[in-house]
Amino acid sequence: MNDQAVSPARLAFTTPAGFFALGFGSGLAPWAPGTVGTLAAVPIALALKSLPPMLFWALLVLSFIAGIRFCDVTARRLGRHDSGSIVWDEMVAYWLTVAFVPLHWGWLLAAFLLFRLFDIVKPWPIRLIEQRFGGGLGIMADDVIAAVYAMLILAFAPAFSGLF
């Protein structure tokens, strides 16, 4: 991808694309950067959910579109397609996952756990999408599909609450 790869830490703190793509530095975590990046997305999700719905969705779409560019530029500079340190995709996907759930810690936790499960396991067609699309779109798209899977389970959860 790039013969002169740059360190993630350098990109996170010297370039705007790196700052966002690396989740404001959360992607620099030495273990489970995707999970740490998703954790960093939680307080932002709380702020986003307090906005009027139209503004929430506008910012979510803008974050996705900008993320395509941030992730593409950062991946090229890192010399690796979907480096684990790139976590903007996890952040945006978590915000999508919580879009329709109540603002309650139990729902936010369930959204977190389900999203991380699907992002890690990558059931069909997530892995296929990840492989088929290149650049920033590929980086962003697979996490959005994981978010949709989590959203579907969360949407049907109330129907099954009487069983437990």
Protein backbone atom coordinates (compact mmCIF):
# COMPACT_ATOMS: atom_id res chain seq x y z
CA MET A 1 0.00 0.00 0.00
CA ASN A 2 2.70 2.48 1.03
CA ASP A 3 6.44 1.93 1.08
CA GLN A 4 6.94 4.58 3.74
CA ALA A 5 4.41 3.74 6.41
CA VAL A 6 3.98 6.16 9.30
CA SER A 7 3.36 5.18 12.92
CA PRO A 8 -0.24 5.34 14.17
CA ALA A 9 0.74 7.61 17.08
CA ARG A 10 2.31 10.11 14.71
CA LEU A 11 -0.79 10.16 12.50
CA ALA A 12 -3.17 10.42 15.45
CA PHE A 13 -1.60 13.59 16.70
CA THR A 14 -0.28 15.30 13.58
CA THR A 15 -3.02 14.94 10.96
CA PRO A 16 -6.75 15.65 11.11
CA ALA A 17 -7.58 12.44 9.21
CA GLY A 18 -5.42 10.41 11.57
CA PHE A 19 -6.91 12.11 14.62
CA PHE A 20 -10.43 11.09 13.60
CA ALA A 21 -9.61 7.72 12.02
CA LEU A 22 -7.70 6.69 15.13
CA GLY A 23 -10.62 7.69 17.34
CA PHE A 24 -9.03 10.74 18.98
CA GLY A 25 -6.18 8.44 20.04
CA SER A 26 -8.33 5.58 21.38
CA GLY A 27 -7.16 3.38 18.49
CA LEU A 28 -3.66 3.50 19.94
CA ALA A 29 -4.67 1.18 22.78
CA PRO A 30 -2.19 -1.70 22.98
CA TRP A 31 -4.98 -4.28 23.37
CA ALA A 32 -8.39 -4.50 21.68
CA PRO A 33 -8.27 -1.07 20.00
CA GLY A 34 -11.65 -1.70 18.32
CA THR A 35 -13.27 -2.26 21.69
CA VAL A 36 -11.50 0.75 23.20
CA GLY A 37 -12.59 2.86 20.22
CA THR A 38 -16.16 1.71 20.70
CA LEU A 39 -15.93 2.62 24.39
CA ALA A 40 -14.72 6.08 23.36
CA ALA A 41 -17.83 6.35 21.18
CA VAL A 42 -20.22 5.88 24.12
CA PRO A 43 -20.08 9.42 25.58
CA ILE A 44 -20.36 10.86 22.08
CA ALA A 45 -23.40 8.62 21.50
CA LEU A 46 -24.99 10.10 24.63
CA ALA A 47 -24.45 13.61 23.27
CA LEU A 48 -25.71 12.66 19.79
CA LYS A 49 -28.86 11.04 21.16
CA SER A 50 -29.72 14.26 22.99
CA LEU A 51 -29.94 16.11 19.65
CA PRO A 52 -33.08 16.50 17.56
CA PRO A 53 -33.46 13.42 15.30
CA MET A 54 -32.78 15.29 12.05
CA LEU A 55 -29.53 16.69 13.41
CA PHE A 56 -28.56 13.27 14.83
CA TRP A 57 -29.02 11.63 11.42
CA ALA A 58 -27.30 14.46 9.55
CA LEU A 59 -24.25 14.17 11.82
CA LEU A 60 -24.28 10.38 11.53
CA VAL A 61 -24.34 10.50 7.72
CA LEU A 62 -21.67 13.21 7.69
CA SER A 63 -19.52 11.12 10.08
CA PHE A 64 -19.88 8.11 7.78
CA ILE A 65 -19.01 10.04 4.61
CA ALA A 66 -16.10 11.85 6.26
CA GLY A 67 -15.01 8.51 7.74
CA ILE A 68 -14.58 7.05 4.27
CA ARG A 69 -12.00 9.73 3.59
CA PHE A 70 -10.38 9.71 7.06
CA CYS A 71 -9.98 5.94 7.04
CA ASP A 72 -8.76 5.79 3.45
CA VAL A 73 -6.09 8.46 3.94
CA THR A 74 -4.98 6.99 7.27
CA ALA A 75 -4.84 3.42 5.96
CA ARG A 76 -2.65 4.56 3.07
CA ARG A 77 -0.32 6.43 5.40
CA LEU A 78 -0.13 3.43 7.74
CA GLY A 79 0.59 1.17 4.79
CA ARG A 80 -2.15 -1.26 5.81
CA HIS A 81 -5.77 -1.55 4.57
CA ASP A 82 -7.71 -1.89 7.83
CA SER A 83 -5.24 -1.43 10.64
CA GLY A 84 -6.62 -2.30 14.05
CA SER A 85 -5.75 1.22 15.16
CA ILE A 86 -8.33 2.69 12.77
CA VAL A 87 -11.45 2.85 14.92
CA TRP A 88 -13.57 5.64 13.43
CA ASP A 89 -15.58 2.88 11.72
CA GLU A 90 -16.38 1.30 15.11
CA MET A 91 -17.35 4.67 16.54
CA VAL A 92 -19.74 5.59 13.74
CA ALA A 93 -21.19 2.08 13.70
CA TYR A 94 -21.86 2.21 17.46
CA TRP A 95 -23.67 5.52 17.02
CA LEU A 96 -25.80 3.85 14.39
CA THR A 97 -26.40 0.84 16.65
CA VAL A 98 -27.87 3.04 19.40
CA ALA A 99 -29.95 5.20 17.06
CA PHE A 100 -33.28 3.61 18.00
CA VAL A 101 -32.67 2.35 21.53
CA PRO A 102 -33.77 4.18 24.66
CA LEU A 103 -31.19 6.29 26.40
CA HIS A 104 -30.67 3.80 29.22
CA TRP A 105 -27.47 2.09 30.33
CA GLY A 106 -28.89 -1.42 29.76
CA TRP A 107 -29.74 -0.68 26.14
CA LEU A 108 -26.43 1.07 25.54
CA LEU A 109 -24.56 -1.89 27.03
CA ALA A 110 -26.56 -4.41 24.98
CA ALA A 111 -25.85 -2.33 21.86
CA PHE A 112 -22.15 -2.25 22.73
CA LEU A 113 -21.92 -6.02 23.30
CA LEU A 114 -23.95 -6.98 20.22
CA PHE A 115 -22.08 -4.60 17.94
CA ARG A 116 -18.69 -5.83 19.19
CA LEU A 117 -19.80 -9.45 18.77
CA PHE A 118 -20.82 -8.94 15.13
CA ASP A 119 -17.77 -6.80 14.39
CA ILE A 120 -15.43 -9.46 15.75
CA VAL A 121 -17.19 -12.59 14.43
CA LYS A 122 -18.05 -11.00 11.05
CA PRO A 123 -20.95 -13.24 9.96
CA TRP A 124 -21.99 -13.30 6.31
CA PRO A 125 -21.86 -10.95 4.42
CA ILE A 126 -19.66 -8.77 6.65
CA ARG A 127 -16.39 -10.51 5.79
CA LEU A 128 -17.35 -10.53 2.10
CA ILE A 129 -18.08 -6.79 2.13
CA GLU A 130 -14.80 -6.14 3.94
CA GLN A 131 -12.91 -8.06 1.25
CA ARG A 132 -14.88 -6.80 -1.74
CA PHE A 133 -14.70 -3.07 -1.09
CA GLY A 134 -11.38 -1.33 -0.87
CA GLY A 135 -10.20 1.80 0.82
CA GLY A 136 -12.21 3.82 3.28
CA LEU A 137 -15.56 2.55 2.02
CA GLY A 138 -14.58 -1.03 2.81
CA ILE A 139 -13.31 -0.04 6.23
CA MET A 140 -16.56 1.76 7.06
CA ALA A 141 -19.07 -0.57 5.37
CA ASP A 142 -18.34 -3.80 7.23
CA ASP A 143 -18.87 -2.11 10.59
CA VAL A 144 -22.12 -0.55 9.44
CA ILE A 145 -23.42 -4.01 8.54
CA ALA A 146 -22.37 -5.28 11.98
CA ALA A 147 -24.30 -2.34 13.45
CA VAL A 148 -27.39 -3.23 11.41
CA TYR A 149 -27.24 -6.82 12.71
CA ALA A 150 -27.04 -5.52 16.28
CA MET A 151 -29.88 -3.05 15.59
CA LEU A 152 -32.14 -5.84 14.33
CA ILE A 153 -31.65 -7.88 17.48
CA LEU A 154 -32.24 -4.83 19.64
CA ALA A 155 -35.40 -4.00 17.68
CA PHE A 156 -36.87 -7.43 18.35
CA ALA A 157 -35.66 -7.72 21.95
CA PRO A 158 -38.80 -6.19 23.52
CA ALA A 159 -40.97 -8.83 21.82
CA PHE A 160 -39.05 -11.54 23.66
CA SER A 161 -38.77 -9.79 27.04
CA GLY A 162 -41.78 -11.69 28.42
CA LEU A 163 -39.94 -14.99 27.90
CA PHE A 164 -37.31 -14.18 30.52
